[in-house]
Amino acid sequence: MVAPLLIVAVGNPSRGDDALGPALVERLRAAGVDADGTVELLVDFQLQVEHALDLVGRRAVLFVDAARPGTVDGVVLQPVTADDAAPLWSHALRPQAVLAVYAQVQRQPPPPAWLLAIEGRDFALGEGLGDAAHQRLGAAETKVQDWLRERAGARVSRRIT
């Protein structure tokens, strides 16, 4: 059985703040968000076309990634949709491209998806998370917990109607 909610975090733990996504998943696991089987946590270095298969059977998907300074301010959660114009031949895809691959392969719209972008500052090889990145993890975890509560609320309201 597939968990209805999927959180996909991407990042390289060996490249400083690029490890924000995997570090957030570690915190979520420690908090037990995947304990009841309604949430699956997935970590990878980068998104690839194969990740479209991970979306099959999901009710909602949250992508988590570090962002370069200037692209976001702190922690930003926003919906994302399939983008047919996104390049699909790369080894590293944006979430919009993964959603487009899903739509092509499954011949149906992808599940609703969001991107949680966490601002990083230092992406140097061999470095750990910086102080600012550690501070942003708390805000990111709060946003994920809120996102999960909203998805749980949607599940309840569907049963009632």
C-alpha atoms as a PDB file:
ATOM      1  CA  MET A   1       0.000   0.000   0.000  1.00  0.00           C
ATOM      2  CA  VAL A   2       1.252   3.469  -0.922  1.00  0.00           C
ATOM      3  CA  ALA A   3       1.207   6.282   1.637  1.00  0.00           C
ATOM      4  CA  PRO A   4      -1.175   8.992   0.402  1.00  0.00           C
ATOM      5  CA  LEU A   5       1.278  11.811   1.190  1.00  0.00           C
ATOM      6  CA  LEU A   6       4.830  11.963  -0.124  1.00  0.00           C
ATOM      7  CA  ILE A   7       7.627  14.288   0.928  1.00  0.00           C
ATOM      8  CA  VAL A   8      10.602  14.233  -1.461  1.00  0.00           C
ATOM      9  CA  ALA A   9      13.703  16.039  -0.230  1.00  0.00           C
ATOM     10  CA  VAL A  10      16.648  16.596  -2.523  1.00  0.00           C
ATOM     11  CA  GLY A  11      20.146  17.697  -1.705  1.00  0.00           C
ATOM     12  CA  ASN A  12      23.737  16.643  -1.263  1.00  0.00           C
ATOM     13  CA  PRO A  13      24.824  16.265   2.380  1.00  0.00           C
ATOM     14  CA  SER A  14      28.435  16.857   1.299  1.00  0.00           C
ATOM     15  CA  ARG A  15      27.744  20.331  -0.105  1.00  0.00           C
ATOM     16  CA  GLY A  16      27.021  22.599   2.847  1.00  0.00           C
ATOM     17  CA  ASP A  17      23.524  24.078   2.875  1.00  0.00           C
ATOM     18  CA  ASP A  18      22.483  21.837  -0.033  1.00  0.00           C
ATOM     19  CA  ALA A  19      21.866  19.317   2.768  1.00  0.00           C
ATOM     20  CA  LEU A  20      18.850  21.295   4.026  1.00  0.00           C
ATOM     21  CA  GLY A  21      16.308  18.935   2.403  1.00  0.00           C
ATOM     22  CA  PRO A  22      17.844  15.722   3.778  1.00  0.00           C
ATOM     23  CA  ALA A  23      18.373  17.373   7.185  1.00  0.00           C
ATOM     24  CA  LEU A  24      14.702  18.334   7.305  1.00  0.00           C
ATOM     25  CA  VAL A  25      13.671  14.749   6.555  1.00  0.00           C
ATOM     26  CA  GLU A  26      15.871  13.556   9.429  1.00  0.00           C
ATOM     27  CA  ARG A  27      13.984  15.931  11.741  1.00  0.00           C
ATOM     28  CA  LEU A  28      10.629  14.776  10.386  1.00  0.00           C
ATOM     29  CA  ARG A  29      11.576  11.118  10.910  1.00  0.00           C
ATOM     30  CA  ALA A  30      12.683  11.890  14.472  1.00  0.00           C
ATOM     31  CA  ALA A  31       9.308  13.587  15.027  1.00  0.00           C
ATOM     32  CA  GLY A  32       7.549  10.441  13.756  1.00  0.00           C
ATOM     33  CA  VAL A  33       5.621  12.017  10.873  1.00  0.00           C
ATOM     34  CA  ASP A  34       5.930   8.769   8.895  1.00  0.00           C
ATOM     35  CA  ALA A  35       5.020   6.460  11.781  1.00  0.00           C
ATOM     36  CA  ASP A  36       1.350   5.830  10.902  1.00  0.00           C
ATOM     37  CA  GLY A  37       1.894   5.055   7.212  1.00  0.00           C
ATOM     38  CA  THR A  38       0.095   8.107   5.822  1.00  0.00           C
ATOM     39  CA  VAL A  39       3.362   9.887   4.948  1.00  0.00           C
ATOM     40  CA  GLU A  40       6.355   8.550   3.044  1.00  0.00           C
ATOM     41  CA  LEU A  41       9.674  10.375   3.319  1.00  0.00           C
ATOM     42  CA  LEU A  42      12.066  10.085   0.388  1.00  0.00           C
ATOM     43  CA  VAL A  43      15.569  11.585   0.038  1.00  0.00           C
ATOM     44  CA  ASP A  44      17.722  11.766  -3.083  1.00  0.00           C
ATOM     45  CA  PHE A  45      20.586  13.876  -4.409  1.00  0.00           C
ATOM     46  CA  GLN A  46      18.464  15.293  -7.251  1.00  0.00           C
ATOM     47  CA  LEU A  47      15.125  14.824  -8.959  1.00  0.00           C
ATOM     48  CA  GLN A  48      15.117  12.526 -11.978  1.00  0.00           C
ATOM     49  CA  VAL A  49      12.492  11.232 -14.416  1.00  0.00           C
ATOM     50  CA  GLU A  50      12.174   8.066 -12.309  1.00  0.00           C
ATOM     51  CA  HIS A  51      10.730  10.114  -9.453  1.00  0.00           C
ATOM     52  CA  ALA A  52       7.536  10.477 -11.491  1.00  0.00           C
ATOM     53  CA  LEU A  53       6.801   6.848 -10.566  1.00  0.00           C
ATOM     54  CA  ASP A  54       7.022   7.748  -6.862  1.00  0.00           C
ATOM     55  CA  LEU A  55       3.970   9.995  -7.368  1.00  0.00           C
ATOM     56  CA  VAL A  56       1.666   7.138  -8.433  1.00  0.00           C
ATOM     57  CA  GLY A  57      -1.195   6.673  -5.977  1.00  0.00           C
ATOM     58  CA  ARG A  58      -0.416   9.823  -3.958  1.00  0.00           C
ATOM     59  CA  ARG A  59      -2.991  12.339  -2.849  1.00  0.00           C
ATOM     60  CA  ALA A  60      -0.414  15.142  -2.432  1.00  0.00           C
ATOM     61  CA  VAL A  61       3.318  15.647  -2.812  1.00  0.00           C
ATOM     62  CA  LEU A  62       5.735  18.046  -1.149  1.00  0.00           C
ATOM     63  CA  PHE A  63       9.142  18.639  -2.733  1.00  0.00           C
ATOM     64  CA  VAL A  64      11.821  20.086  -0.427  1.00  0.00           C
ATOM     65  CA  ASP A  65      15.025  21.682  -1.679  1.00  0.00           C
ATOM     66  CA  ALA A  66      17.656  24.234  -0.706  1.00  0.00           C
ATOM     67  CA  ALA A  67      17.543  27.494  -2.631  1.00  0.00           C
ATOM     68  CA  ARG A  68      20.341  29.875  -3.501  1.00  0.00           C
ATOM     69  CA  PRO A  69      20.323  33.304  -1.829  1.00  0.00           C
ATOM     70  CA  GLY A  70      18.125  35.748  -3.679  1.00  0.00           C
ATOM     71  CA  THR A  71      15.748  33.117  -5.043  1.00  0.00           C
ATOM     72  CA  VAL A  72      13.786  32.920  -1.784  1.00  0.00           C
ATOM     73  CA  ASP A  73      13.890  34.780   1.488  1.00  0.00           C
ATOM     74  CA  GLY A  74      14.106  32.300   4.352  1.00  0.00           C
ATOM     75  CA  VAL A  75      11.574  29.513   3.900  1.00  0.00           C
ATOM     76  CA  VAL A  76       8.911  29.594   1.171  1.00  0.00           C
ATOM     77  CA  LEU A  77       6.115  27.090   0.526  1.00  0.00           C
ATOM     78  CA  GLN A  78       4.321  27.397  -2.792  1.00  0.00           C
ATOM     79  CA  PRO A  79       2.215  25.193  -5.062  1.00  0.00           C
ATOM     80  CA  VAL A  80       3.823  23.854  -8.232  1.00  0.00           C
ATOM     81  CA  THR A  81       2.227  22.491 -11.388  1.00  0.00           C
ATOM     82  CA  ALA A  82       3.417  20.437 -14.323  1.00  0.00           C
ATOM     83  CA  ASP A  83       5.411  22.407 -16.855  1.00  0.00           C
ATOM     84  CA  ASP A  84       5.498  20.809 -20.281  1.00  0.00           C
ATOM     85  CA  ALA A  85       8.150  23.330 -21.347  1.00  0.00           C
ATOM     86  CA  ALA A  86      10.588  22.118 -18.682  1.00  0.00           C
ATOM     87  CA  PRO A  87      13.467  20.055 -20.086  1.00  0.00           C
ATOM     88  CA  LEU A  88      12.854  16.351 -19.484  1.00  0.00           C
ATOM     89  CA  TRP A  89      16.159  14.972 -20.743  1.00  0.00           C
ATOM     90  CA  SER A  90      18.360  16.198 -17.909  1.00  0.00           C
ATOM     91  CA  HIS A  91      19.664  14.081 -15.040  1.00  0.00           C
ATOM     92  CA  ALA A  92      18.477  16.788 -12.634  1.00  0.00           C
ATOM     93  CA  LEU A  93      14.908  18.021 -12.954  1.00  0.00           C
ATOM     94  CA  ARG A  94      12.806  20.686 -11.290  1.00  0.00           C
ATOM     95  CA  PRO A  95       9.597  19.511  -9.548  1.00  0.00           C
ATOM     96  CA  GLN A  96       7.541  20.975 -12.429  1.00  0.00           C
ATOM     97  CA  ALA A  97       9.331  18.655 -14.863  1.00  0.00           C
ATOM     98  CA  VAL A  98       8.764  15.596 -12.649  1.00  0.00           C
ATOM     99  CA  LEU A  99       5.055  16.440 -12.622  1.00  0.00           C
ATOM    100  CA  ALA A 100       5.096  16.765 -16.421  1.00  0.00           C
ATOM    101  CA  VAL A 101       6.752  13.346 -16.765  1.00  0.00           C
ATOM    102  CA  TYR A 102       4.071  11.876 -14.494  1.00  0.00           C
ATOM    103  CA  ALA A 103       1.322  13.361 -16.682  1.00  0.00           C
ATOM    104  CA  GLN A 104       2.949  11.956 -19.825  1.00  0.00           C
ATOM    105  CA  VAL A 105       3.552   8.476 -18.442  1.00  0.00           C
ATOM    106  CA  GLN A 106       0.323   8.060 -16.474  1.00  0.00           C
ATOM    107  CA  ARG A 107      -1.851   9.952 -18.985  1.00  0.00           C
ATOM    108  CA  GLN A 108      -3.575  11.788 -16.172  1.00  0.00           C
ATOM    109  CA  PRO A 109      -2.932  14.908 -14.117  1.00  0.00           C
ATOM    110  CA  PRO A 110      -0.333  14.568 -11.375  1.00  0.00           C
ATOM    111  CA  PRO A 111      -1.321  14.831  -7.725  1.00  0.00           C
ATOM    112  CA  PRO A 112      -1.377  18.329  -6.197  1.00  0.00           C
ATOM    113  CA  ALA A 113       2.185  19.352  -5.388  1.00  0.00           C
ATOM    114  CA  TRP A 114       4.063  22.012  -3.458  1.00  0.00           C
ATOM    115  CA  LEU A 115       7.683  23.103  -3.209  1.00  0.00           C
ATOM    116  CA  LEU A 116       9.249  24.036   0.103  1.00  0.00           C
ATOM    117  CA  ALA A 117      12.349  26.092  -0.719  1.00  0.00           C
ATOM    118  CA  ILE A 118      14.775  26.740   2.131  1.00  0.00           C
ATOM    119  CA  GLU A 119      17.327  29.471   1.586  1.00  0.00           C
ATOM    120  CA  GLY A 120      20.919  28.331   1.834  1.00  0.00           C
ATOM    121  CA  ARG A 121      24.045  30.449   1.769  1.00  0.00           C
ATOM    122  CA  ASP A 122      27.073  28.177   1.560  1.00  0.00           C
ATOM    123  CA  PHE A 123      27.137  25.235  -0.841  1.00  0.00           C
ATOM    124  CA  ALA A 124      30.861  24.439  -0.644  1.00  0.00           C
ATOM    125  CA  LEU A 125      32.007  20.852  -1.001  1.00  0.00           C
ATOM    126  CA  GLY A 126      32.892  19.230   2.310  1.00  0.00           C
ATOM    127  CA  GLU A 127      31.110  21.804   4.467  1.00  0.00           C
ATOM    128  CA  GLY A 128      28.264  21.172   6.899  1.00  0.00           C
ATOM    129  CA  LEU A 129      25.111  23.220   7.379  1.00  0.00           C
ATOM    130  CA  GLY A 130      25.758  26.837   8.305  1.00  0.00           C
ATOM    131  CA  ASP A 131      24.277  28.584  11.341  1.00  0.00           C
ATOM    132  CA  ALA A 132      21.597  30.384   9.293  1.00  0.00           C
ATOM    133  CA  ALA A 133      20.612  27.082   7.659  1.00  0.00           C
ATOM    134  CA  HIS A 134      20.171  25.441  11.067  1.00  0.00           C
ATOM    135  CA  GLN A 135      17.878  28.297  12.105  1.00  0.00           C
ATOM    136  CA  ARG A 136      15.780  27.915   8.958  1.00  0.00           C
ATOM    137  CA  LEU A 137      15.243  24.204   9.620  1.00  0.00           C
ATOM    138  CA  GLY A 138      12.903  25.013  12.519  1.00  0.00           C
ATOM    139  CA  ALA A 139      10.766  27.289  10.336  1.00  0.00           C
ATOM    140  CA  ALA A 140      10.782  24.694   7.562  1.00  0.00           C
ATOM    141  CA  GLU A 141       9.666  21.937   9.940  1.00  0.00           C
ATOM    142  CA  THR A 142       6.786  24.127  11.138  1.00  0.00           C
ATOM    143  CA  LYS A 143       5.669  24.728   7.541  1.00  0.00           C
ATOM    144  CA  VAL A 144       5.758  20.985   6.830  1.00  0.00           C
ATOM    145  CA  GLN A 145       3.758  20.205   9.973  1.00  0.00           C
ATOM    146  CA  ASP A 146       1.164  22.814   8.899  1.00  0.00           C
ATOM    147  CA  TRP A 147       1.106  21.330   5.371  1.00  0.00           C
ATOM    148  CA  LEU A 148       0.516  17.858   6.822  1.00  0.00           C
ATOM    149  CA  ARG A 149      -2.300  19.122   9.078  1.00  0.00           C
ATOM    150  CA  GLU A 150      -3.986  20.780   6.080  1.00  0.00           C
ATOM    151  CA  ARG A 151      -3.783  17.537   4.105  1.00  0.00           C
ATOM    152  CA  ALA A 152      -5.225  15.612   7.078  1.00  0.00           C
ATOM    153  CA  GLY A 153      -8.047  18.174   7.285  1.00  0.00           C
ATOM    154  CA  ALA A 154      -8.842  17.663   3.606  1.00  0.00           C
ATOM    155  CA  ARG A 155      -9.027  13.929   4.214  1.00  0.00           C
ATOM    156  CA  VAL A 156     -11.534  14.368   7.034  1.00  0.00           C
ATOM    157  CA  SER A 157     -13.757  16.795   5.131  1.00  0.00           C
ATOM    158  CA  ARG A 158     -13.960  14.416   2.161  1.00  0.00           C
ATOM    159  CA  ARG A 159     -15.241  11.634   4.393  1.00  0.00           C
ATOM    160  CA  ILE A 160     -17.930  13.838   5.885  1.00  0.00           C
ATOM    161  CA  THR A 161     -19.393  15.033   2.551  1.00  0.00           C
END
